[in-house]
N, C-alpha and C. Protein backbone atom coordinates (compact mmCIF):
# COMPACT_ATOMS: atom_id res chain seq x y z
N MET A 1 0.95 -1.21 0.18
CA MET A 1 -0.05 -0.10 0.04
C MET A 1 0.89 1.30 0.01
N TYR A 2 0.54 2.32 -0.82
CA TYR A 2 1.41 3.39 -0.92
C TYR A 2 1.17 4.34 0.27
N LEU A 3 0.15 4.38 0.97
CA LEU A 3 -0.06 5.23 2.08
C LEU A 3 -0.57 4.31 3.28
N ASP A 4 0.62 4.33 4.48
CA ASP A 4 0.42 3.47 5.74
C ASP A 4 0.09 4.46 6.86
N GLN A 5 -0.25 3.86 7.98
CA GLN A 5 -0.80 4.87 9.06
C GLN A 5 0.32 5.78 9.66
N LYS A 6 1.67 5.49 9.38
CA LYS A 6 2.57 6.31 9.84
C LYS A 6 2.82 7.36 8.71
N GLU A 7 2.70 7.33 7.72
CA GLU A 7 2.84 8.45 6.59
C GLU A 7 1.27 9.18 6.68
N LYS A 8 0.16 8.77 7.07
CA LYS A 8 -1.15 9.85 7.26
C LYS A 8 -0.74 10.21 8.67
N GLU A 9 -0.15 9.73 9.73
CA GLU A 9 0.09 10.52 10.97
C GLU A 9 1.28 11.63 10.76
N ALA A 10 2.15 11.42 9.90
CA ALA A 10 2.92 12.43 9.55
C ALA A 10 2.49 13.47 8.80
N ILE A 11 1.39 13.40 7.87
CA ILE A 11 0.91 14.22 6.96
C ILE A 11 -0.15 15.26 8.05
N PHE A 12 -0.80 14.80 8.86
CA PHE A 12 -1.74 14.99 9.73
C PHE A 12 -0.71 15.70 11.11
N THR A 13 0.30 15.15 11.62
CA THR A 13 0.96 16.28 12.30
C THR A 13 1.81 17.21 11.69
N LYS A 14 1.97 17.39 10.33
CA LYS A 14 2.51 18.26 10.04
C LYS A 14 1.67 19.76 9.73
N HIS A 15 0.59 19.04 8.99
CA HIS A 15 -0.45 19.97 8.55
C HIS A 15 -1.72 20.28 9.55
N GLY A 16 -2.27 19.45 10.21
CA GLY A 16 -2.85 19.25 11.32
C GLY A 16 -2.64 20.07 12.60
N LYS A 17 -3.53 19.75 13.64
CA LYS A 17 -3.10 20.10 14.90
C LYS A 17 -2.41 19.13 15.49
N GLY A 18 -2.50 17.89 15.31
CA GLY A 18 -1.55 16.72 15.85
C GLY A 18 -1.94 15.63 15.12
N PRO A 19 -1.36 14.07 15.43
CA PRO A 19 -1.60 12.80 14.62
C PRO A 19 -2.57 12.34 14.63
N LYS A 20 -3.48 12.90 15.42
CA LYS A 20 -5.11 12.43 15.44
C LYS A 20 -5.96 13.17 15.08
N ASP A 21 -5.79 14.40 14.51
CA ASP A 21 -6.46 15.48 14.04
C ASP A 21 -6.97 15.19 12.52
N THR A 22 -7.79 14.41 12.37
CA THR A 22 -8.05 13.85 10.92
C THR A 22 -9.14 14.65 10.39
N GLY A 23 -9.98 15.69 11.24
CA GLY A 23 -10.87 16.26 10.75
C GLY A 23 -10.76 17.60 10.58
N SER A 24 -9.39 18.29 10.43
CA SER A 24 -9.30 19.52 10.29
C SER A 24 -9.38 19.65 8.58
N ALA A 25 -9.63 20.83 8.30
CA ALA A 25 -9.51 21.11 6.84
C ALA A 25 -8.04 20.75 6.08
N GLU A 26 -7.38 21.52 6.61
CA GLU A 26 -6.00 21.70 6.16
C GLU A 26 -5.13 20.30 6.18
N GLY A 27 -5.64 19.57 7.30
CA GLY A 27 -5.09 17.91 7.24
C GLY A 27 -5.69 17.15 5.81
N GLN A 28 -6.93 17.34 5.88
CA GLN A 28 -7.75 16.51 4.70
C GLN A 28 -7.32 17.20 3.42
N ILE A 29 -7.06 18.55 3.49
CA ILE A 29 -6.74 18.84 1.97
C ILE A 29 -5.04 18.38 1.76
N ALA A 30 -4.08 18.14 2.88
CA ALA A 30 -2.94 17.65 2.76
C ALA A 30 -2.90 16.14 2.21
N LEU A 31 -3.66 15.42 2.73
CA LEU A 31 -4.03 14.15 2.34
C LEU A 31 -4.23 14.06 1.05
N PHE A 32 -5.36 14.51 0.70
CA PHE A 32 -5.86 14.66 -0.74
C PHE A 32 -4.80 15.25 -1.81
N THR A 33 -3.96 16.00 -1.55
CA THR A 33 -2.88 16.44 -2.25
C THR A 33 -2.03 15.22 -2.53
N TYR A 34 -1.50 14.52 -1.49
CA TYR A 34 -0.70 13.49 -1.31
C TYR A 34 -1.18 12.59 -2.06
N ARG A 35 -2.75 11.99 -2.22
CA ARG A 35 -3.19 10.86 -2.82
C ARG A 35 -3.34 11.37 -4.43
N ILE A 36 -3.56 12.67 -4.84
CA ILE A 36 -3.60 13.16 -6.04
C ILE A 36 -2.27 13.21 -6.60
N ASN A 37 -1.23 13.30 -6.17
CA ASN A 37 0.20 13.32 -6.66
C ASN A 37 0.59 11.95 -6.93
N HIS A 38 -0.02 11.24 -5.78
CA HIS A 38 0.47 9.46 -6.31
C HIS A 38 -0.37 9.18 -7.30
N LEU A 39 -1.60 9.52 -7.64
CA LEU A 39 -2.45 8.81 -8.73
C LEU A 39 -1.83 9.61 -9.99
N THR A 40 -1.81 11.08 -9.98
CA THR A 40 -0.95 11.52 -11.17
C THR A 40 0.33 10.78 -11.54
N GLY A 41 1.12 10.36 -10.78
CA GLY A 41 2.20 9.68 -11.23
C GLY A 41 1.90 8.26 -11.66
N HIS A 42 0.79 7.54 -11.30
CA HIS A 42 0.26 6.31 -11.51
C HIS A 42 -0.30 6.41 -13.11
N LEU A 43 -1.02 7.66 -13.45
CA LEU A 43 -1.56 7.72 -14.73
C LEU A 43 -0.72 8.22 -15.69
N LYS A 44 0.36 8.60 -15.39
CA LYS A 44 1.51 8.98 -16.46
C LYS A 44 1.98 7.69 -16.99
N ASN A 45 2.22 6.65 -16.09
CA ASN A 45 2.51 5.36 -16.50
C ASN A 45 1.45 4.19 -17.23
N ASN A 46 0.26 4.60 -16.73
CA ASN A 46 -1.04 3.77 -17.19
C ASN A 46 -2.05 4.91 -17.72
N ARG A 47 -1.71 4.92 -19.02
CA ARG A 47 -2.74 6.42 -19.35
C ARG A 47 -4.12 5.80 -19.80
N LYS A 48 -4.28 4.30 -19.85
CA LYS A 48 -5.64 3.89 -20.14
C LYS A 48 -6.37 3.27 -18.92
N ASP A 49 -5.83 3.76 -17.68
CA ASP A 49 -6.49 3.31 -16.57
C ASP A 49 -7.74 4.13 -16.18
N PHE A 50 -8.83 4.19 -16.75
CA PHE A 50 -9.90 5.06 -16.54
C PHE A 50 -10.61 5.27 -15.27
N ASN A 51 -10.49 4.07 -14.47
CA ASN A 51 -10.94 4.31 -13.27
C ASN A 51 -10.26 4.85 -12.28
N SER A 52 -8.96 4.53 -12.36
CA SER A 52 -7.96 5.59 -11.65
C SER A 52 -8.19 7.31 -11.98
N GLU A 53 -8.55 7.39 -13.32
CA GLU A 53 -8.76 8.66 -13.75
C GLU A 53 -9.85 9.67 -13.21
N ARG A 54 -10.78 8.62 -12.79
CA ARG A 54 -12.23 9.17 -12.83
C ARG A 54 -11.95 9.38 -11.09
N SER A 55 -11.21 8.32 -10.44
CA SER A 55 -10.86 8.80 -8.78
C SER A 55 -10.16 9.99 -8.66
N LEU A 56 -9.11 10.30 -9.62
CA LEU A 56 -8.40 11.28 -9.38
C LEU A 56 -9.13 12.85 -9.60
N VAL A 57 -10.22 12.77 -10.77
CA VAL A 57 -11.04 13.75 -10.90
C VAL A 57 -12.03 14.08 -9.65
N LYS A 58 -12.27 13.36 -9.21
CA LYS A 58 -13.24 13.16 -7.86
C LYS A 58 -12.47 13.60 -6.60
N LEU A 59 -11.31 13.40 -6.40
CA LEU A 59 -10.44 13.99 -5.29
C LEU A 59 -10.13 15.44 -5.62
N VAL A 60 -9.71 15.73 -6.97
CA VAL A 60 -9.55 17.16 -7.20
C VAL A 60 -10.73 18.09 -6.79
N GLY A 61 -11.92 17.36 -7.09
CA GLY A 61 -13.25 18.04 -6.65
C GLY A 61 -13.17 18.24 -5.31
N LYS A 62 -13.04 17.36 -4.58
CA LYS A 62 -13.21 17.20 -3.09
C LYS A 62 -12.16 18.31 -2.25
N ARG A 63 -11.07 18.26 -2.88
CA ARG A 63 -9.94 19.03 -2.41
C ARG A 63 -10.37 20.69 -2.67
N ARG A 64 -10.97 20.86 -3.84
CA ARG A 64 -11.14 22.15 -4.36
C ARG A 64 -12.63 22.38 -3.48
N ALA A 65 -13.28 21.43 -3.15
CA ALA A 65 -14.47 21.97 -2.31
C ALA A 65 -13.77 22.47 -0.81
N LEU A 66 -12.89 21.72 -0.35
CA LEU A 66 -12.32 22.25 1.13
C LEU A 66 -11.67 23.57 0.88
N LEU A 67 -11.03 23.36 -0.26
CA LEU A 67 -10.40 25.10 -0.70
C LEU A 67 -11.35 26.15 -0.42
N ASP A 68 -12.47 25.82 -1.31
CA ASP A 68 -13.47 27.19 -1.04
C ASP A 68 -14.36 27.18 0.38
N TYR A 69 -14.51 26.02 1.12
CA TYR A 69 -14.66 26.14 2.21
C TYR A 69 -13.87 27.02 3.02
N LEU A 70 -12.54 26.88 3.06
CA LEU A 70 -11.35 27.50 3.71
C LEU A 70 -11.54 28.96 3.58
N THR A 71 -11.74 29.03 2.12
CA THR A 71 -11.81 30.68 1.48
C THR A 71 -12.91 31.28 2.23
N LYS A 72 -13.88 30.53 2.40
CA LYS A 72 -15.02 31.36 2.98
C LYS A 72 -15.07 31.50 4.63
N LYS A 73 -14.44 30.66 5.18
CA LYS A 73 -14.12 30.48 6.86
C LYS A 73 -13.15 31.38 7.21
N ASP A 74 -11.93 30.90 6.64
CA ASP A 74 -10.57 31.70 7.25
C ASP A 74 -9.57 31.99 5.98
N ILE A 75 -9.62 33.11 5.28
CA ILE A 75 -8.96 33.56 4.33
C ILE A 75 -7.34 33.16 4.42
N LEU A 76 -6.90 33.62 5.59
CA LEU A 76 -5.44 33.39 6.31
C LEU A 76 -4.92 32.03 6.37
N ARG A 77 -6.07 30.80 6.98
CA ARG A 77 -5.70 29.44 6.94
C ARG A 77 -5.73 29.06 5.41
N TYR A 78 -6.23 29.63 4.34
CA TYR A 78 -6.61 29.28 3.15
C TYR A 78 -4.95 29.68 2.39
N ARG A 79 -4.56 30.72 2.37
CA ARG A 79 -3.52 31.10 1.97
C ARG A 79 -2.18 30.48 2.94
N ALA A 80 -2.04 30.29 3.77
CA ALA A 80 -1.11 29.38 4.40
C ALA A 80 -1.05 27.97 3.99
N ILE A 81 -2.17 27.04 3.65
CA ILE A 81 -2.30 25.89 3.38
C ILE A 81 -2.06 25.81 1.66
N VAL A 82 -2.26 26.86 1.13
CA VAL A 82 -1.93 26.75 -0.36
C VAL A 82 -0.42 27.12 -0.74
N LYS A 83 0.09 27.97 0.00
CA LYS A 83 1.49 28.18 0.12
C LYS A 83 2.41 26.99 0.53
N GLU A 84 1.79 26.63 1.62
CA GLU A 84 2.64 25.11 2.13
C GLU A 84 2.57 24.07 1.07
N LEU A 85 1.63 23.82 0.47
CA LEU A 85 1.42 22.54 -0.16
C LEU A 85 1.99 22.86 -1.86
N GLY A 86 2.00 24.29 -1.92
CA GLY A 86 2.59 24.60 -3.51
C GLY A 86 1.32 24.52 -4.46
N LEU A 87 0.34 24.73 -4.10
CA LEU A 87 -0.85 24.60 -5.14
C LEU A 87 -1.06 25.92 -5.95
N ARG A 88 -1.56 25.88 -7.09
CA ARG A 88 -1.31 27.02 -7.90
C ARG A 88 -2.32 27.94 -7.52
N LYS A 89 -3.49 27.73 -6.87
CA LYS A 89 -4.49 28.69 -6.77
C LYS A 89 -4.98 28.78 -5.30
């Protein structure tokens, strides 16, 4: 498996409030970004894998929705997570 429990805890520790803080928007956005990067690499090698392509599009939509939520809720948190993860928008 490409994402084990220790990697998830490291992501949530770095971007959330702690290793068990899986509900914060920043932690979820960071996790989605990790998964999106993994699927993007997979699709570069397997360009006909349409099921993975569909799941990638759904993940991007979920991350966009969370980013929109953060924009409305707290613009400073939004700007911080976008800068940390290196997202374009």
